[in-house]
C-alpha atoms as a PDB file:
ATOM      1  CA  MET A   1      38.975  28.597  45.697  1.00  0.00           C
ATOM      2  CA  LYS A   2      35.491  27.739  46.919  1.00  0.00           C
ATOM      3  CA  THR A   3      33.983  29.746  44.040  1.00  0.00           C
ATOM      4  CA  PHE A   4      36.240  27.983  41.535  1.00  0.00           C
ATOM      5  CA  TRP A   5      35.031  24.498  42.546  1.00  0.00           C
ATOM      6  CA  LYS A   6      31.430  25.679  42.606  1.00  0.00           C
ATOM      7  CA  SER A   7      31.874  26.996  39.042  1.00  0.00           C
ATOM      8  CA  ILE A   8      33.366  23.667  37.927  1.00  0.00           C
ATOM      9  CA  LYS A   9      30.438  21.732  39.467  1.00  0.00           C
ATOM     10  CA  ILE A  10      27.877  24.001  37.817  1.00  0.00           C
ATOM     11  CA  THR A  11      29.671  23.700  34.470  1.00  0.00           C
ATOM     12  CA  LEU A  12      29.753  19.882  34.707  1.00  0.00           C
ATOM     13  CA  ALA A  13      26.098  19.778  35.760  1.00  0.00           C
ATOM     14  CA  PHE A  14      25.055  21.887  32.774  1.00  0.00           C
ATOM     15  CA  CYS A  15      27.252  19.819  30.431  1.00  0.00           C
ATOM     16  CA  ALA A  16      25.487  16.675  31.632  1.00  0.00           C
ATOM     17  CA  LEU A  17      22.052  18.276  31.506  1.00  0.00           C
ATOM     18  CA  LEU A  18      22.387  19.924  28.106  1.00  0.00           C
ATOM     19  CA  GLY A  19      24.877  17.566  26.489  1.00  0.00           C
ATOM     20  CA  VAL A  20      23.166  14.332  27.484  1.00  0.00           C
ATOM     21  CA  GLY A  21      19.768  15.087  28.991  1.00  0.00           C
ATOM     22  CA  TYR A  22      18.600  17.396  26.227  1.00  0.00           C
ATOM     23  CA  VAL A  23      19.724  14.964  23.519  1.00  0.00           C
ATOM     24  CA  LEU A  24      17.882  12.090  25.215  1.00  0.00           C
ATOM     25  CA  ILE A  25      14.724  14.185  25.523  1.00  0.00           C
ATOM     26  CA  LEU A  26      14.825  15.100  21.828  1.00  0.00           C
ATOM     27  CA  TRP A  27      15.514  11.489  20.870  1.00  0.00           C
ATOM     28  CA  GLY A  28      12.552  10.350  22.983  1.00  0.00           C
ATOM     29  CA  VAL A  29      10.188  12.907  21.480  1.00  0.00           C
ATOM     30  CA  GLY A  30      11.377  12.019  17.970  1.00  0.00           C
ATOM     31  CA  SER A  31      10.883   8.312  18.649  1.00  0.00           C
ATOM     32  CA  ILE A  32       7.319   8.886  19.784  1.00  0.00           C
ATOM     33  CA  ALA A  33       6.124  11.767  17.640  1.00  0.00           C
ATOM     34  CA  GLY A  34       8.358  11.563  14.572  1.00  0.00           C
ATOM     35  CA  PRO A  35       7.376   9.756  11.397  1.00  0.00           C
ATOM     36  CA  ASN A  36       8.449   6.104  11.537  1.00  0.00           C
ATOM     37  CA  GLY A  37       9.616   6.632  15.096  1.00  0.00           C
ATOM     38  CA  GLY A  38      12.537   8.699  13.839  1.00  0.00           C
ATOM     39  CA  ARG A  39      13.872   5.774  11.805  1.00  0.00           C
ATOM     40  CA  ALA A  40      14.273   5.198   8.086  1.00  0.00           C
ATOM     41  CA  ALA A  41      11.101   4.174   6.266  1.00  0.00           C
ATOM     42  CA  VAL A  42      12.665   1.158   4.558  1.00  0.00           C
ATOM     43  CA  VAL A  43      11.007   0.113   1.296  1.00  0.00           C
ATOM     44  CA  THR A  44      11.334  -3.514   0.221  1.00  0.00           C
ATOM     45  CA  GLU A  45      10.391  -5.094  -3.065  1.00  0.00           C
ATOM     46  CA  ASN A  46      10.380  -8.878  -3.474  1.00  0.00           C
ATOM     47  CA  GLY A  47      12.196  -9.241  -0.147  1.00  0.00           C
ATOM     48  CA  ARG A  48      14.976  -6.876  -1.234  1.00  0.00           C
ATOM     49  CA  ILE A  49      15.601  -3.457   0.312  1.00  0.00           C
ATOM     50  CA  VAL A  50      15.386  -0.828  -2.431  1.00  0.00           C
ATOM     51  CA  GLY A  51      15.761   2.294  -0.308  1.00  0.00           C
ATOM     52  CA  ALA A  52      14.232   4.449   2.377  1.00  0.00           C
ATOM     53  CA  ALA A  53      11.153   6.498   1.544  1.00  0.00           C
ATOM     54  CA  ASN A  54      12.239   9.354   3.803  1.00  0.00           C
ATOM     55  CA  VAL A  55      15.769   9.713   2.385  1.00  0.00           C
ATOM     56  CA  GLY A  56      16.383  10.792  -1.198  1.00  0.00           C
ATOM     57  CA  GLN A  57      18.500   8.681  -3.511  1.00  0.00           C
ATOM     58  CA  SER A  58      19.909   9.050  -6.985  1.00  0.00           C
ATOM     59  CA  PHE A  59      17.902   7.894  -9.995  1.00  0.00           C
ATOM     60  CA  THR A  60      19.575   8.480 -13.348  1.00  0.00           C
ATOM     61  CA  LYS A  61      17.985   6.022 -15.781  1.00  0.00           C
ATOM     62  CA  ALA A  62      15.446   7.283 -18.316  1.00  0.00           C
ATOM     63  CA  THR A  63      13.016   4.601 -17.132  1.00  0.00           C
ATOM     64  CA  TYR A  64      12.744   6.137 -13.655  1.00  0.00           C
ATOM     65  CA  PHE A  65      11.549   9.412 -12.240  1.00  0.00           C
ATOM     66  CA  TRP A  66      14.352  11.612 -10.959  1.00  0.00           C
ATOM     67  CA  GLY A  67      14.431  13.462  -7.664  1.00  0.00           C
ATOM     68  CA  ARG A  68      16.013  16.764  -6.830  1.00  0.00           C
ATOM     69  CA  PRO A  69      19.742  17.218  -7.340  1.00  0.00           C
ATOM     70  CA  SER A  70      21.887  16.718  -4.249  1.00  0.00           C
ATOM     71  CA  ALA A  71      24.769  18.951  -3.192  1.00  0.00           C
ATOM     72  CA  VAL A  72      26.158  15.993  -1.193  1.00  0.00           C
ATOM     73  CA  GLU A  73      25.610  13.212  -3.774  1.00  0.00           C
ATOM     74  CA  TYR A  74      22.875  11.710  -1.551  1.00  0.00           C
ATOM     75  CA  ASN A  75      25.386  10.943   1.212  1.00  0.00           C
ATOM     76  CA  GLY A  76      23.276  10.584   4.356  1.00  0.00           C
ATOM     77  CA  SER A  77      26.219  11.108   6.674  1.00  0.00           C
ATOM     78  CA  GLY A  78      27.078  14.404   5.014  1.00  0.00           C
ATOM     79  CA  SER A  79      23.625  15.927   4.730  1.00  0.00           C
ATOM     80  CA  GLY A  80      23.626  19.566   3.708  1.00  0.00           C
ATOM     81  CA  GLY A  81      23.323  22.129   0.971  1.00  0.00           C
ATOM     82  CA  SER A  82      25.993  23.759  -1.127  1.00  0.00           C
ATOM     83  CA  ASN A  83      25.991  26.968   0.978  1.00  0.00           C
ATOM     84  CA  LYS A  84      26.421  28.976  -2.216  1.00  0.00           C
ATOM     85  CA  ALA A  85      24.267  32.080  -2.525  1.00  0.00           C
ATOM     86  CA  THR A  86      21.792  32.204  -5.387  1.00  0.00           C
ATOM     87  CA  THR A  87      23.863  35.065  -6.810  1.00  0.00           C
ATOM     88  CA  ASN A  88      27.128  33.092  -6.712  1.00  0.00           C
ATOM     89  CA  PRO A  89      28.475  32.672 -10.297  1.00  0.00           C
ATOM     90  CA  GLU A  90      29.501  29.040  -9.601  1.00  0.00           C
ATOM     91  CA  TYR A  91      26.016  28.246  -8.334  1.00  0.00           C
ATOM     92  CA  LEU A  92      24.418  29.877 -11.372  1.00  0.00           C
ATOM     93  CA  ASP A  93      26.696  27.871 -13.687  1.00  0.00           C
ATOM     94  CA  GLU A  94      25.703  24.641 -11.883  1.00  0.00           C
ATOM     95  CA  VAL A  95      22.007  25.434 -12.246  1.00  0.00           C
ATOM     96  CA  LYS A  96      22.406  26.329 -15.944  1.00  0.00           C
ATOM     97  CA  ALA A  97      24.246  23.034 -16.539  1.00  0.00           C
ATOM     98  CA  ARG A  98      21.477  21.130 -14.739  1.00  0.00           C
ATOM     99  CA  ILE A  99      18.836  22.874 -16.854  1.00  0.00           C
ATOM    100  CA  ASP A 100      20.729  21.961 -20.044  1.00  0.00           C
ATOM    101  CA  THR A 101      21.003  18.325 -18.911  1.00  0.00           C
ATOM    102  CA  PHE A 102      17.325  18.207 -17.967  1.00  0.00           C
ATOM    103  CA  LEU A 103      16.335  19.625 -21.363  1.00  0.00           C
ATOM    104  CA  THR A 104      18.542  17.068 -23.136  1.00  0.00           C
ATOM    105  CA  PHE A 105      16.405  14.296 -21.637  1.00  0.00           C
ATOM    106  CA  HIS A 106      13.157  16.287 -21.949  1.00  0.00           C
ATOM    107  CA  PRO A 107      13.418  17.944 -25.403  1.00  0.00           C
ATOM    108  CA  TYR A 108       9.664  18.559 -25.455  1.00  0.00           C
ATOM    109  CA  LEU A 109      10.018  21.160 -22.663  1.00  0.00           C
ATOM    110  CA  LEU A 110      10.873  24.819 -22.991  1.00  0.00           C
ATOM    111  CA  ARG A 111      13.559  26.236 -20.716  1.00  0.00           C
ATOM    112  CA  GLN A 112      10.982  28.150 -18.658  1.00  0.00           C
ATOM    113  CA  ASP A 113       8.918  24.967 -18.152  1.00  0.00           C
ATOM    114  CA  VAL A 114      11.638  23.220 -16.123  1.00  0.00           C
ATOM    115  CA  PRO A 115      10.540  23.254 -12.455  1.00  0.00           C
ATOM    116  CA  SER A 116      13.161  24.978 -10.312  1.00  0.00           C
ATOM    117  CA  GLU A 117      13.180  22.083  -7.851  1.00  0.00           C
ATOM    118  CA  MET A 118      14.492  19.761 -10.577  1.00  0.00           C
ATOM    119  CA  VAL A 119      17.646  21.840 -11.012  1.00  0.00           C
ATOM    120  CA  THR A 120      18.282  23.131  -7.476  1.00  0.00           C
ATOM    121  CA  ALA A 121      19.347  21.047  -4.492  1.00  0.00           C
ATOM    122  CA  SER A 122      17.380  21.062  -1.258  1.00  0.00           C
ATOM    123  CA  GLY A 123      18.875  22.310   1.985  1.00  0.00           C
ATOM    124  CA  SER A 124      19.518  18.767   3.211  1.00  0.00           C
ATOM    125  CA  GLY A 125      20.600  17.326  -0.130  1.00  0.00           C
ATOM    126  CA  LEU A 126      18.462  14.301   0.749  1.00  0.00           C
ATOM    127  CA  ASP A 127      14.946  15.441  -0.146  1.00  0.00           C
ATOM    128  CA  PRO A 128      12.953  12.302  -1.056  1.00  0.00           C
ATOM    129  CA  ASP A 129      10.020  14.188  -2.572  1.00  0.00           C
ATOM    130  CA  ILE A 130       9.251  16.336  -5.576  1.00  0.00           C
ATOM    131  CA  SER A 131       6.153  18.348  -6.390  1.00  0.00           C
ATOM    132  CA  PRO A 132       3.478  16.872  -8.653  1.00  0.00           C
ATOM    133  CA  ALA A 133       4.641  19.367 -11.312  1.00  0.00           C
ATOM    134  CA  GLY A 134       8.176  17.952 -11.019  1.00  0.00           C
ATOM    135  CA  ALA A 135       6.782  14.473 -11.654  1.00  0.00           C
ATOM    136  CA  TYR A 136       4.385  15.425 -14.447  1.00  0.00           C
ATOM    137  CA  VAL A 137       7.113  17.062 -16.566  1.00  0.00           C
ATOM    138  CA  GLN A 138       8.965  13.726 -16.520  1.00  0.00           C
ATOM    139  CA  ALA A 139       5.908  11.619 -17.415  1.00  0.00           C
ATOM    140  CA  ARG A 140       6.475  11.670 -21.180  1.00  0.00           C
ATOM    141  CA  ARG A 141      10.149  10.635 -20.897  1.00  0.00           C
ATOM    142  CA  VAL A 142       9.344   7.778 -18.513  1.00  0.00           C
ATOM    143  CA  ALA A 143       6.353   6.645 -20.594  1.00  0.00           C
ATOM    144  CA  GLU A 144       8.435   6.520 -23.781  1.00  0.00           C
ATOM    145  CA  ALA A 145      11.297   4.698 -22.033  1.00  0.00           C
ATOM    146  CA  ARG A 146       8.915   2.122 -20.533  1.00  0.00           C
ATOM    147  CA  GLY A 147       6.676   1.668 -23.555  1.00  0.00           C
ATOM    148  CA  LEU A 148       3.637   2.923 -21.645  1.00  0.00           C
ATOM    149  CA  SER A 149       1.078   5.545 -22.549  1.00  0.00           C
ATOM    150  CA  GLU A 150       1.726   8.961 -21.062  1.00  0.00           C
ATOM    151  CA  GLN A 151      -1.813   8.929 -19.646  1.00  0.00           C
ATOM    152  CA  THR A 152      -1.061   5.705 -17.727  1.00  0.00           C
ATOM    153  CA  VAL A 153       2.060   7.239 -16.210  1.00  0.00           C
ATOM    154  CA  ARG A 154       0.207  10.456 -15.348  1.00  0.00           C
ATOM    155  CA  GLU A 155      -2.490   8.435 -13.598  1.00  0.00           C
ATOM    156  CA  LEU A 156       0.184   6.625 -11.576  1.00  0.00           C
ATOM    157  CA  ILE A 157       1.609   9.999 -10.523  1.00  0.00           C
ATOM    158  CA  ARG A 158      -1.869  11.173  -9.529  1.00  0.00           C
ATOM    159  CA  GLN A 159      -2.335   8.065  -7.368  1.00  0.00           C
ATOM    160  CA  THR A 160       0.944   8.633  -5.518  1.00  0.00           C
ATOM    161  CA  ILE A 161       0.437  12.323  -4.686  1.00  0.00           C
ATOM    162  CA  GLN A 162       0.581  12.847  -0.935  1.00  0.00           C
ATOM    163  CA  LYS A 163      -1.688  15.596   0.365  1.00  0.00           C
ATOM    164  CA  PRO A 164      -0.625  18.150   3.011  1.00  0.00           C
ATOM    165  CA  TRP A 165      -0.804  16.900   6.600  1.00  0.00           C
ATOM    166  CA  LEU A 166      -4.325  17.550   7.948  1.00  0.00           C
ATOM    167  CA  GLY A 167      -4.969  19.335   4.671  1.00  0.00           C
ATOM    168  CA  LEU A 168      -3.138  22.367   6.058  1.00  0.00           C
ATOM    169  CA  PHE A 169       0.557  21.821   6.673  1.00  0.00           C
ATOM    170  CA  GLY A 170       2.956  21.524   3.769  1.00  0.00           C
ATOM    171  CA  THR A 171       2.253  21.122   0.090  1.00  0.00           C
ATOM    172  CA  GLU A 172       1.295  18.262  -2.188  1.00  0.00           C
ATOM    173  CA  LYS A 173       4.284  16.041  -2.901  1.00  0.00           C
ATOM    174  CA  VAL A 174       5.308  12.846  -4.646  1.00  0.00           C
ATOM    175  CA  ASN A 175       7.785  10.450  -3.052  1.00  0.00           C
ATOM    176  CA  VAL A 176      10.208   9.562  -5.852  1.00  0.00           C
ATOM    177  CA  LEU A 177      11.178   6.123  -4.510  1.00  0.00           C
ATOM    178  CA  GLN A 178       7.575   5.067  -3.936  1.00  0.00           C
ATOM    179  CA  LEU A 179       6.605   6.319  -7.400  1.00  0.00           C
ATOM    180  CA  ASN A 180       9.446   4.342  -9.004  1.00  0.00           C
ATOM    181  CA  VAL A 181       8.529   1.194  -7.058  1.00  0.00           C
ATOM    182  CA  ALA A 182       4.900   1.584  -8.205  1.00  0.00           C
ATOM    183  CA  LEU A 183       6.177   2.077 -11.761  1.00  0.00           C
ATOM    184  CA  ASP A 184       8.190  -1.156 -11.563  1.00  0.00           C
ATOM    185  CA  ARG A 185       5.107  -2.980 -10.304  1.00  0.00           C
ATOM    186  CA  LEU A 186       3.115  -1.615 -13.236  1.00  0.00           C
ATOM    187  CA  LYS A 187       5.747  -2.510 -15.828  1.00  0.00           C
ATOM    188  CA  PRO A 188       9.276  -3.519 -14.844  1.00  0.00           C
ATOM    189  CA  ALA A 189      12.126  -1.751 -16.578  1.00  0.00           C
ATOM    190  CA  ALA A 190      14.133  -3.765 -19.096  1.00  0.00           C
ATOM    191  CA  ALA A 191      17.032  -5.628 -17.487  1.00  0.00           C
ATOM    192  CA  SER A 192      19.521  -3.250 -19.107  1.00  0.00           C
ATOM    193  CA  GLU A 193      17.752  -0.253 -17.558  1.00  0.00           C
ATOM    194  CA  THR A 194      17.623  -1.447 -13.955  1.00  0.00           C
ATOM    195  CA  GLY A 195      20.338  -0.963 -11.413  1.00  0.00           C
ATOM    196  CA  THR A 196      19.282   2.208  -9.662  1.00  0.00           C
ATOM    197  CA  LEU A 197      16.357   0.616  -7.879  1.00  0.00           C
END
Protein backbone atom coordinates (compact mmCIF):
# COMPACT_ATOMS: atom_id res chain seq x y z
CA MET A 1 0.00 0.00 0.00
CA LYS A 2 2.94 2.28 0.72
CA THR A 3 4.16 1.85 -2.87
CA PHE A 4 0.69 2.62 -4.22
CA TRP A 5 0.50 6.00 -2.45
CA LYS A 6 4.05 6.83 -3.45
CA SER A 7 3.12 6.10 -7.09
CA ILE A 8 0.05 8.35 -6.82
CA LYS A 9 2.14 11.20 -5.36
CA ILE A 10 4.76 10.87 -8.09
CA THR A 11 2.05 10.79 -10.77
CA LEU A 12 0.38 13.93 -9.36
CA ALA A 13 3.74 15.69 -9.06
CA PHE A 14 4.59 14.96 -12.69
CA CYS A 15 1.08 15.99 -13.81
CA ALA A 16 1.56 19.33 -12.07
CA LEU A 17 5.11 19.75 -13.35
CA LEU A 18 4.47 18.77 -16.96
CA GLY A 19 0.82 19.77 -17.25
CA VAL A 20 1.15 23.20 -15.67
CA GLY A 21 4.82 24.03 -15.16
CA TYR A 22 5.93 23.15 -18.67
CA VAL A 23 3.05 25.10 -20.23
CA LEU A 24 3.87 28.17 -18.12
CA ILE A 25 7.54 27.95 -19.09
CA LEU A 26 6.68 27.77 -22.80
CA TRP A 27 4.20 30.63 -22.45
CA GLY A 28 6.86 32.73 -20.70
CA VAL A 29 9.49 32.03 -23.35
CA GLY A 30 6.98 32.78 -26.12
CA SER A 31 5.98 36.04 -24.44
CA ILE A 32 9.58 37.18 -24.25
CA ALA A 33 11.17 35.72 -27.37
CA GLY A 34 8.22 35.28 -29.73
CA PRO A 35 7.23 37.85 -32.32
CA ASN A 36 4.77 40.37 -30.86
CA GLY A 37 5.16 38.72 -27.48
CA GLY A 38 3.22 35.70 -28.72
CA ARG A 39 0.16 37.84 -29.46
CA ALA A 40 -1.62 38.76 -32.67
CA ALA A 41 0.01 41.55 -34.67
CA VAL A 42 -3.18 43.59 -35.03
CA VAL A 43 -3.29 45.88 -38.07
CA THR A 44 -5.51 48.96 -37.89
CA GLU A 45 -6.46 51.33 -40.65
CA ASN A 46 -8.25 54.60 -39.88
CA GLY A 47 -8.87 53.42 -36.31
CA ARG A 48 -10.51 50.19 -37.51
CA ILE A 49 -9.03 46.72 -37.00
CA VAL A 50 -8.57 45.09 -40.40
CA GLY A 51 -6.83 41.90 -39.31
CA ALA A 52 -3.74 40.40 -37.76
CA ALA A 53 -0.52 40.37 -39.77
CA ASN A 54 0.55 37.02 -38.33
CA VAL A 55 -2.71 35.17 -39.07
CA GLY A 56 -3.90 34.56 -42.62
CA GLN A 57 -7.34 35.67 -43.72
CA SER A 58 -9.48 35.23 -46.80
CA PHE A 59 -9.26 37.75 -49.63
CA THR A 60 -11.48 36.98 -52.61
CA LYS A 61 -12.01 40.28 -54.43
CA ALA A 62 -10.14 40.94 -57.68
CA THR A 63 -8.90 44.24 -56.22
CA TYR A 64 -6.88 42.48 -53.51
CA PHE A 65 -3.99 40.08 -53.43
CA TRP A 66 -4.96 36.58 -52.36
CA GLY A 67 -3.16 34.41 -49.85
CA ARG A 68 -2.76 30.68 -49.78
CA PRO A 69 -5.85 28.49 -49.66
CA SER A 70 -6.88 27.29 -46.21
CA ALA A 71 -7.98 23.76 -45.35
CA VAL A 72 -9.81 25.20 -42.31
CA GLU A 73 -11.40 28.27 -43.97
CA TYR A 74 -9.05 30.55 -41.97
CA ASN A 75 -10.61 29.44 -38.67
CA GLY A 76 -8.00 30.28 -36.04
CA SER A 77 -9.49 27.94 -33.47
CA GLY A 78 -9.29 25.01 -35.86
CA SER A 79 -5.82 25.53 -37.27
CA GLY A 80 -4.54 22.63 -39.34
CA GLY A 81 -4.04 21.10 -42.73
CA SER A 82 -6.23 18.72 -44.67
CA ASN A 83 -4.14 15.66 -43.69
CA LYS A 84 -4.64 14.29 -47.20
CA ALA A 85 -1.57 12.82 -48.86
CA THR A 86 -0.35 14.46 -52.04
CA THR A 87 -1.28 11.24 -53.84
CA ASN A 88 -4.86 11.23 -52.51
CA PRO A 89 -7.32 11.52 -55.46
CA GLU A 90 -9.56 13.94 -53.50
CA TYR A 91 -6.58 16.16 -52.75
CA LEU A 92 -5.49 16.12 -56.39
CA ASP A 93 -9.03 17.05 -57.49
CA GLU A 94 -9.04 19.97 -55.01
CA VAL A 95 -5.71 21.25 -56.31
CA LYS A 96 -6.83 20.92 -59.96
CA ALA A 97 -10.02 22.87 -59.14
CA ARG A 98 -7.96 25.58 -57.42
CA ILE A 99 -5.65 25.81 -60.44
CA ASP A 100 -8.66 26.17 -62.76
CA THR A 101 -10.13 28.90 -60.54
CA PHE A 102 -6.79 30.71 -60.34
CA LEU A 103 -6.43 30.60 -64.13
CA THR A 104 -9.97 31.94 -64.57
CA PHE A 105 -8.92 35.10 -62.74
CA HIS A 106 -5.42 35.13 -64.27
CA PRO A 107 -6.01 34.19 -67.95
CA TYR A 108 -2.61 35.59 -68.91
CA LEU A 109 -0.87 32.74 -67.04
CA LEU A 110 -0.08 29.27 -68.30
CA ARG A 111 -0.98 26.32 -66.10
CA GLN A 112 2.68 25.66 -65.27
CA ASP A 113 3.18 29.31 -64.22
CA VAL A 114 0.77 29.05 -61.27
CA PRO A 115 2.88 28.95 -58.07
CA SER A 116 2.13 25.80 -56.09
CA GLU A 117 1.63 27.81 -52.91
CA MET A 118 -1.37 29.57 -54.48
CA VAL A 119 -3.24 26.28 -54.91
CA THR A 120 -2.07 24.26 -51.89
CA ALA A 121 -2.92 24.97 -48.26
CA SER A 122 -0.23 25.40 -45.64
CA GLY A 123 0.10 23.03 -42.71
CA SER A 124 -1.61 25.48 -40.35
CA GLY A 125 -4.22 26.72 -42.81
CA LEU A 126 -3.47 30.21 -41.48
CA ASP A 127 -0.31 31.19 -43.35
CA PRO A 128 -0.31 35.01 -43.62
CA ASP A 129 2.49 35.17 -46.18
CA ILE A 130 3.12 34.26 -49.79
CA SER A 131 6.35 34.28 -51.77
CA PRO A 132 7.22 37.27 -53.95
CA ALA A 133 6.49 35.03 -56.96
CA GLY A 134 2.99 34.38 -55.57
CA ALA A 135 2.43 38.13 -55.36
CA TYR A 136 3.96 39.03 -58.72
CA VAL A 137 1.72 36.62 -60.67
CA GLN A 138 -1.29 38.49 -59.24
CA ALA A 139 0.06 41.98 -60.02
CA ARG A 140 -1.60 42.29 -63.44
CA ARG A 141 -5.04 41.25 -62.14
CA VAL A 142 -4.86 43.66 -59.20
CA ALA A 143 -3.52 46.49 -61.37
CA GLU A 144 -6.34 46.09 -63.90
CA ALA A 145 -8.99 45.87 -61.15
CA ARG A 146 -7.64 49.00 -59.43
CA GLY A 147 -6.93 51.04 -62.54
CA LEU A 148 -3.22 51.19 -61.74
CA SER A 149 -0.20 50.44 -63.88
CA GLU A 150 1.23 46.97 -63.42
CA GLN A 151 4.64 48.55 -62.78
CA THR A 152 3.20 50.56 -59.86
CA VAL A 153 1.75 47.42 -58.31
CA ARG A 154 4.99 45.50 -58.85
CA GLU A 155 6.93 48.28 -57.12
CA LEU A 156 4.53 48.10 -54.16
CA ILE A 157 5.16 44.34 -53.94
CA ARG A 158 8.91 44.95 -54.05
CA GLN A 159 8.63 47.44 -51.18
CA THR A 160 6.72 44.98 -48.99
CA ILE A 161 9.04 41.98 -49.44
CA GLN A 162 10.35 40.82 -46.08
CA LYS A 163 13.88 39.43 -46.16
CA PRO A 164 14.96 36.28 -44.27
CA TRP A 165 15.70 36.81 -40.58
CA LEU A 166 19.38 37.82 -40.20
CA GLY A 167 19.65 37.20 -43.93
CA LEU A 168 19.90 33.47 -43.21
CA PHE A 169 16.75 31.95 -41.75
CA GLY A 170 13.68 31.48 -43.90
CA THR A 171 12.91 32.81 -47.34
CA GLU A 172 11.73 36.10 -48.77
CA LYS A 173 8.02 36.58 -48.17
CA VAL A 174 5.19 39.05 -48.62
CA ASN A 175 2.57 39.54 -45.92
CA VAL A 176 -0.75 39.54 -47.78
CA LEU A 177 -2.65 41.72 -45.29
CA GLN A 178 0.09 44.34 -45.13
CA LEU A 179 0.35 44.37 -48.93
CA ASN A 180 -3.42 44.87 -49.27
CA VAL A 181 -3.41 47.66 -46.67
CA ALA A 182 -0.56 49.37 -48.56
CA LEU A 183 -2.55 48.92 -51.78
CA ASP A 184 -5.60 50.59 -50.21
CA ARG A 185 -3.42 53.48 -49.08
CA LEU A 186 -2.08 53.84 -52.61
CA LYS A 187 -5.52 53.71 -54.24
CA PRO A 188 -8.61 52.60 -52.33
CA ALA A 189 -10.77 49.95 -53.93
CA ALA A 190 -14.15 51.06 -55.27
CA ALA A 191 -16.89 50.89 -52.64
CA SER A 192 -18.45 47.89 -54.39
CA GLU A 193 -15.15 46.00 -54.21
CA THR A 194 -14.41 46.45 -50.51
CA GLY A 195 -15.66 44.23 -47.76
CA THR A 196 -12.82 41.79 -47.31
CA LEU A 197 -10.49 44.31 -45.73
